[in-house]
Amino acid sequence: QVRLVESGGGLVQAGGSLRLSCVASGRAWSPYAMGWFRQAPGKEREFVAAITWSGGYTVYEDSVKGRFDISRDKAESTVYLQMTGLKPEDTAVYSCAADWPNRGGGIYSKYEYDYWGQGTQVTVSS
């Protein structure tokens, strides 16, 4: 059974930084891609960033470009999200997800992902 566990969330002041981690377990880990999504209260879950597992190709949502960096450690079956220059509007529950198998859709689409973690809260105070 696949399991994704996020960590690293917390409370930070505007302009601060956090590093989220997501560890996968349950099978030999070789997804097509891993992504980070976030959901603020009363809003839809939205795409943040994604990375293809094999080639390391990355995609970012426009509002986080230049501030967030997604990376992966294949040996540790872990994906990271380094967040800098945090803003109050970044406040949300952040979840990682695995695109496995890929059905040909974009890795920015939440509908492409099959496995999800439980999420970690990120709160940015002004």
Protein backbone atom coordinates (compact mmCIF):
# COMPACT_ATOMS: atom_id res chain seq x y z
CA GLN A 1 0.00 0.00 0.00
CA VAL A 2 1.40 3.35 -1.05
CA ARG A 3 1.79 5.93 1.67
CA LEU A 4 2.86 9.56 1.37
CA VAL A 5 3.75 11.46 4.53
CA GLU A 6 4.40 15.20 4.53
CA SER A 7 6.28 17.18 7.15
CA GLY A 8 7.82 20.60 7.61
CA GLY A 9 4.78 22.83 7.81
CA GLY A 10 4.33 25.46 10.49
CA LEU A 11 3.80 29.10 11.32
CA VAL A 12 6.15 31.64 9.77
CA GLN A 13 6.20 35.39 9.30
CA ALA A 14 5.83 36.97 5.90
CA GLY A 15 9.14 36.86 4.06
CA GLY A 16 10.21 33.73 5.87
CA SER A 17 11.05 30.27 4.60
CA LEU A 18 9.93 26.70 5.11
CA ARG A 19 11.00 23.39 3.62
CA LEU A 20 8.35 20.72 3.15
CA SER A 21 9.22 17.05 2.76
CA CYS A 22 7.16 14.15 1.47
CA VAL A 23 8.36 10.59 1.98
CA ALA A 24 6.87 7.76 -0.04
CA SER A 25 6.68 4.16 1.07
CA GLY A 26 4.90 0.94 0.24
CA ARG A 27 6.42 -0.12 -3.05
CA ALA A 28 9.50 0.36 -5.21
CA TRP A 29 9.13 4.06 -5.84
CA SER A 30 9.12 5.08 -9.49
CA PRO A 31 6.21 7.38 -10.25
CA TYR A 32 5.95 9.43 -13.40
CA ALA A 33 5.89 12.64 -11.37
CA MET A 34 5.42 14.05 -7.89
CA GLY A 35 3.52 17.22 -7.18
CA TRP A 36 2.67 19.65 -4.44
CA PHE A 37 -0.82 21.09 -4.16
CA ARG A 38 -2.41 23.40 -1.62
CA GLN A 39 -5.88 24.14 -0.36
CA ALA A 40 -6.88 27.23 1.56
CA PRO A 41 -10.14 27.34 3.56
CA GLY A 42 -13.13 27.73 1.28
CA LYS A 43 -11.06 27.33 -1.86
CA GLU A 44 -10.38 24.60 -4.36
CA ARG A 45 -7.20 22.56 -4.21
CA GLU A 46 -4.68 24.21 -6.48
CA PHE A 47 -1.44 23.21 -8.14
CA VAL A 48 1.82 24.53 -6.71
CA ALA A 49 4.70 22.63 -8.31
CA ALA A 50 5.59 19.28 -9.84
CA ILE A 51 8.66 17.34 -10.89
CA THR A 52 9.07 14.33 -13.13
CA TRP A 53 10.73 11.56 -11.20
CA SER A 54 13.09 10.32 -13.89
CA GLY A 55 14.24 13.49 -15.64
CA GLY A 56 13.65 16.09 -12.95
CA TYR A 57 11.62 18.36 -15.22
CA THR A 58 9.83 20.97 -13.10
CA VAL A 59 6.66 22.99 -13.47
CA TYR A 60 5.48 25.81 -11.19
CA GLU A 61 2.31 27.75 -10.67
CA ASP A 62 2.91 31.36 -11.72
CA SER A 63 2.50 32.90 -8.27
CA VAL A 64 5.29 30.78 -6.76
CA LYS A 65 7.84 30.99 -9.56
CA GLY A 66 11.12 32.35 -8.27
CA ARG A 67 10.08 31.76 -4.65
CA PHE A 68 9.49 28.01 -4.43
CA ASP A 69 11.77 25.19 -5.53
CA ILE A 70 10.75 21.55 -5.92
CA SER A 71 13.34 18.79 -5.85
CA ARG A 72 13.51 15.05 -5.29
CA ASP A 73 15.84 12.51 -3.77
CA LYS A 74 15.29 9.31 -5.68
CA ALA A 75 17.32 7.20 -3.28
CA GLU A 76 15.18 8.36 -0.36
CA SER A 77 11.85 8.34 -2.26
CA THR A 78 11.38 11.90 -1.07
CA VAL A 79 10.20 15.09 -2.71
CA TYR A 80 10.87 18.51 -1.24
CA LEU A 81 9.34 21.94 -1.56
CA GLN A 82 11.64 24.77 -0.51
CA MET A 83 9.53 27.87 0.03
CA THR A 84 11.07 31.31 0.40
CA GLY A 85 9.63 34.80 0.41
CA LEU A 86 6.42 33.45 1.91
CA LYS A 87 3.32 35.60 1.75
CA PRO A 88 0.08 35.47 3.76
CA GLU A 89 -1.71 34.27 0.62
CA ASP A 90 0.49 31.15 0.68
CA THR A 91 -1.36 30.02 3.80
CA ALA A 92 -2.95 26.62 3.11
CA VAL A 93 -2.75 22.91 3.72
CA TYR A 94 -0.01 21.59 1.44
CA SER A 95 -0.27 18.04 0.14
CA CYS A 96 2.06 15.97 -1.95
CA ALA A 97 0.81 13.59 -4.59
CA ALA A 98 2.12 10.94 -6.95
CA ASP A 99 1.26 10.67 -10.62
CA TRP A 100 1.42 6.90 -11.13
CA PRO A 101 0.59 5.79 -13.72
CA ASN A 102 0.61 8.79 -15.99
CA ARG A 103 -2.44 8.97 -18.20
CA GLY A 104 -1.05 11.57 -20.56
CA GLY A 105 -2.41 14.60 -18.75
CA GLY A 106 -0.37 17.53 -17.53
CA ILE A 107 1.49 17.11 -14.28
CA TYR A 108 -0.03 20.40 -13.16
CA SER A 109 -3.50 18.78 -13.07
CA LYS A 110 -4.76 17.39 -9.77
CA TYR A 111 -6.83 14.85 -11.73
CA GLU A 112 -3.63 13.21 -12.97
CA TYR A 113 -2.55 12.17 -9.47
CA ASP A 114 -3.41 8.83 -7.91
CA TYR A 115 -1.87 8.93 -4.45
CA TRP A 116 -2.12 11.71 -1.90
CA GLY A 117 -0.63 12.52 1.46
CA GLN A 118 -2.65 13.82 4.39
CA GLY A 119 -1.25 17.34 4.14
CA THR A 120 0.71 19.72 6.33
CA GLN A 121 -0.46 23.16 7.43
CA VAL A 122 1.49 26.23 6.37
CA THR A 123 0.47 29.50 7.98
CA VAL A 124 2.10 32.79 7.02
CA SER A 125 1.44 35.75 9.28
CA SER A 126 1.60 39.34 8.08
